[in-house]
N, C-alpha and C. Protein backbone atom coordinates (compact mmCIF):
# COMPACT_ATOMS: atom_id res chain seq x y z
N MET A 1 -22.26 21.16 -1.36
CA MET A 1 -20.88 21.67 -1.16
C MET A 1 -19.94 20.42 -1.40
N LYS A 2 -18.91 20.66 -2.24
CA LYS A 2 -17.98 19.60 -2.57
C LYS A 2 -16.95 19.42 -1.45
N LYS A 3 -16.69 18.17 -1.11
CA LYS A 3 -15.67 17.88 -0.10
C LYS A 3 -14.30 17.88 -0.74
N THR A 4 -13.41 18.60 -0.15
CA THR A 4 -12.05 18.69 -0.68
C THR A 4 -11.12 17.87 0.16
N THR A 5 -10.15 17.23 -0.47
CA THR A 5 -9.19 16.50 0.27
C THR A 5 -8.06 17.37 0.75
N PRO A 6 -7.58 17.10 1.99
CA PRO A 6 -6.51 17.93 2.51
C PRO A 6 -5.19 17.65 1.75
N PRO A 7 -4.27 18.55 1.76
CA PRO A 7 -2.96 18.32 1.11
C PRO A 7 -2.34 17.09 1.74
N ALA A 8 -1.66 16.26 0.95
CA ALA A 8 -1.08 15.02 1.42
C ALA A 8 0.21 15.32 2.20
N PRO A 9 0.29 14.63 3.39
CA PRO A 9 1.46 14.76 4.21
C PRO A 9 2.61 13.88 3.66
N ILE A 10 3.74 13.85 4.29
CA ILE A 10 4.89 13.00 3.88
C ILE A 10 4.56 11.56 4.06
N LEU A 11 3.92 11.18 5.17
CA LEU A 11 3.50 9.81 5.45
C LEU A 11 2.02 9.82 5.84
N ILE A 12 1.30 8.78 5.40
CA ILE A 12 -0.14 8.70 5.77
C ILE A 12 -0.29 7.34 6.46
N ALA A 13 -0.90 7.37 7.67
CA ALA A 13 -1.20 6.17 8.37
C ALA A 13 -2.30 5.40 7.61
N ARG A 14 -2.19 4.08 7.62
CA ARG A 14 -3.16 3.22 6.89
C ARG A 14 -4.60 3.62 7.25
N GLN A 15 -4.84 3.84 8.55
CA GLN A 15 -6.25 4.08 8.98
C GLN A 15 -6.75 5.46 8.51
N LYS A 16 -5.89 6.34 8.02
CA LYS A 16 -6.28 7.64 7.52
C LYS A 16 -6.24 7.75 6.00
N ILE A 17 -6.02 6.62 5.33
CA ILE A 17 -5.76 6.65 3.88
C ILE A 17 -6.97 7.19 3.12
N GLU A 18 -8.18 6.85 3.57
CA GLU A 18 -9.37 7.31 2.87
C GLU A 18 -9.56 8.84 2.87
N ASP A 19 -8.92 9.48 3.85
CA ASP A 19 -8.98 10.98 3.89
C ASP A 19 -8.28 11.55 2.70
N TYR A 20 -7.29 10.89 2.19
CA TYR A 20 -6.48 11.41 1.10
C TYR A 20 -6.71 10.72 -0.22
N PHE A 21 -7.16 9.48 -0.19
CA PHE A 21 -7.46 8.70 -1.38
C PHE A 21 -8.87 8.09 -1.21
N PRO A 22 -9.89 8.89 -1.46
CA PRO A 22 -11.26 8.41 -1.30
C PRO A 22 -11.53 7.13 -2.11
N GLY A 23 -12.19 6.18 -1.42
CA GLY A 23 -12.45 4.93 -2.12
C GLY A 23 -11.43 3.83 -1.89
N LEU A 24 -10.29 4.18 -1.31
CA LEU A 24 -9.26 3.23 -1.02
C LEU A 24 -9.33 2.90 0.45
N SER A 25 -9.72 1.63 0.74
CA SER A 25 -10.00 1.19 2.07
C SER A 25 -8.70 0.72 2.83
N PRO A 26 -8.63 1.10 4.08
CA PRO A 26 -7.46 0.59 4.91
C PRO A 26 -7.49 -0.97 4.98
N LYS A 27 -8.66 -1.58 4.99
CA LYS A 27 -8.75 -3.02 5.01
C LYS A 27 -8.19 -3.66 3.73
N THR A 28 -8.44 -2.99 2.58
CA THR A 28 -7.93 -3.51 1.32
C THR A 28 -6.40 -3.45 1.31
N LEU A 29 -5.80 -2.38 1.85
CA LEU A 29 -4.41 -2.22 1.92
C LEU A 29 -3.80 -3.30 2.88
N ALA A 30 -4.53 -3.54 4.00
CA ALA A 30 -4.02 -4.58 4.92
C ALA A 30 -4.07 -5.94 4.28
N ASN A 31 -5.11 -6.24 3.52
CA ASN A 31 -5.19 -7.58 2.85
C ASN A 31 -4.09 -7.70 1.81
N LEU A 32 -3.82 -6.63 1.02
CA LEU A 32 -2.79 -6.68 0.02
C LEU A 32 -1.45 -6.89 0.69
N ALA A 33 -1.17 -6.20 1.79
CA ALA A 33 0.11 -6.38 2.50
C ALA A 33 0.28 -7.80 2.98
N ALA A 34 -0.78 -8.39 3.44
CA ALA A 34 -0.71 -9.78 3.96
C ALA A 34 -0.34 -10.73 2.81
N GLN A 35 -0.65 -10.37 1.57
CA GLN A 35 -0.39 -11.22 0.40
C GLN A 35 0.93 -10.81 -0.28
N ASN A 36 1.67 -9.93 0.36
CA ASN A 36 2.91 -9.37 -0.24
C ASN A 36 2.65 -8.64 -1.58
N LYS A 37 1.52 -8.02 -1.66
CA LYS A 37 1.13 -7.17 -2.85
C LYS A 37 0.80 -5.80 -2.33
N GLY A 38 0.52 -4.92 -3.24
CA GLY A 38 0.11 -3.58 -2.83
C GLY A 38 1.31 -2.64 -2.78
N PRO A 39 1.05 -1.39 -2.39
CA PRO A 39 2.11 -0.33 -2.34
C PRO A 39 3.10 -0.60 -1.18
N LYS A 40 4.27 -0.09 -1.35
CA LYS A 40 5.32 -0.20 -0.34
C LYS A 40 4.85 0.53 0.93
N PHE A 41 5.12 -0.05 2.06
CA PHE A 41 4.67 0.58 3.30
C PHE A 41 5.84 0.55 4.28
N TYR A 42 5.68 1.34 5.33
CA TYR A 42 6.66 1.46 6.42
C TYR A 42 5.98 1.26 7.71
N LYS A 43 6.62 0.62 8.69
CA LYS A 43 6.06 0.39 10.02
C LYS A 43 6.88 1.08 11.05
N GLN A 44 6.15 1.71 12.01
CA GLN A 44 6.83 2.28 13.19
C GLN A 44 5.81 2.12 14.34
N ASN A 45 6.30 1.49 15.40
CA ASN A 45 5.45 1.28 16.56
C ASN A 45 4.14 0.67 16.24
N ARG A 46 4.17 -0.41 15.42
CA ARG A 46 2.98 -1.15 14.99
C ARG A 46 1.99 -0.35 14.14
N ILE A 47 2.37 0.85 13.69
CA ILE A 47 1.50 1.63 12.82
C ILE A 47 2.10 1.53 11.39
N VAL A 48 1.23 1.29 10.43
CA VAL A 48 1.65 1.17 9.05
C VAL A 48 1.43 2.51 8.35
N TYR A 49 2.45 2.97 7.61
CA TYR A 49 2.41 4.21 6.90
C TYR A 49 2.71 3.99 5.40
N TYR A 50 2.16 4.88 4.60
CA TYR A 50 2.42 4.90 3.21
C TYR A 50 2.79 6.29 2.81
N THR A 51 3.63 6.43 1.70
CA THR A 51 3.86 7.74 1.14
C THR A 51 2.83 7.96 0.09
N PRO A 52 2.42 9.23 -0.10
CA PRO A 52 1.44 9.47 -1.15
C PRO A 52 1.94 9.01 -2.55
N ASP A 53 3.23 9.18 -2.79
CA ASP A 53 3.80 8.73 -4.05
C ASP A 53 3.68 7.28 -4.29
N GLU A 54 3.93 6.45 -3.26
CA GLU A 54 3.79 5.00 -3.37
C GLU A 54 2.34 4.60 -3.60
N ILE A 55 1.42 5.26 -2.99
CA ILE A 55 0.01 5.00 -3.25
C ILE A 55 -0.37 5.31 -4.67
N ARG A 56 0.08 6.50 -5.14
CA ARG A 56 -0.22 6.86 -6.55
C ARG A 56 0.39 5.90 -7.53
N LYS A 57 1.66 5.54 -7.29
CA LYS A 57 2.33 4.57 -8.17
C LYS A 57 1.57 3.27 -8.20
N TYR A 58 1.13 2.78 -7.14
CA TYR A 58 0.35 1.52 -7.09
C TYR A 58 -0.92 1.67 -7.83
N LEU A 59 -1.64 2.74 -7.59
CA LEU A 59 -2.95 2.89 -8.26
C LEU A 59 -2.84 3.06 -9.75
N THR A 60 -1.69 3.58 -10.22
CA THR A 60 -1.52 3.77 -11.68
C THR A 60 -0.82 2.54 -12.31
N GLY A 61 -0.45 1.56 -11.47
CA GLY A 61 0.15 0.34 -12.04
C GLY A 61 1.65 0.42 -12.15
N GLU A 62 2.29 1.47 -11.64
CA GLU A 62 3.79 1.63 -11.76
C GLU A 62 4.50 0.75 -10.72
N SER A 63 3.84 0.44 -9.62
CA SER A 63 4.45 -0.28 -8.49
C SER A 63 3.59 -1.43 -8.16
N LYS A 64 4.13 -2.66 -8.09
CA LYS A 64 3.31 -3.81 -7.80
C LYS A 64 3.85 -4.65 -6.66
N VAL A 65 4.93 -4.28 -6.10
CA VAL A 65 5.50 -5.12 -5.02
C VAL A 65 5.53 -4.39 -3.73
N SER A 66 5.26 -4.98 -2.66
CA SER A 66 5.29 -4.43 -1.36
C SER A 66 6.62 -4.71 -0.68
N THR A 67 6.76 -4.29 0.60
CA THR A 67 8.00 -4.45 1.35
C THR A 67 8.16 -5.94 1.76
């Protein structure tokens, strides 16, 4: 049985990113953010969030700068 990904919400917490983008590790995103690279992210109450569009742009090479 093939695993299907759920529809993407407006914001995705870093720790849940693999549920929507299989193969993309939360640790990789954390390392990129520490280097001021990677997709744009938002923080609220110490939780880091990404929009699905920002993740897609980063993965396709359209976005290269973080916040």
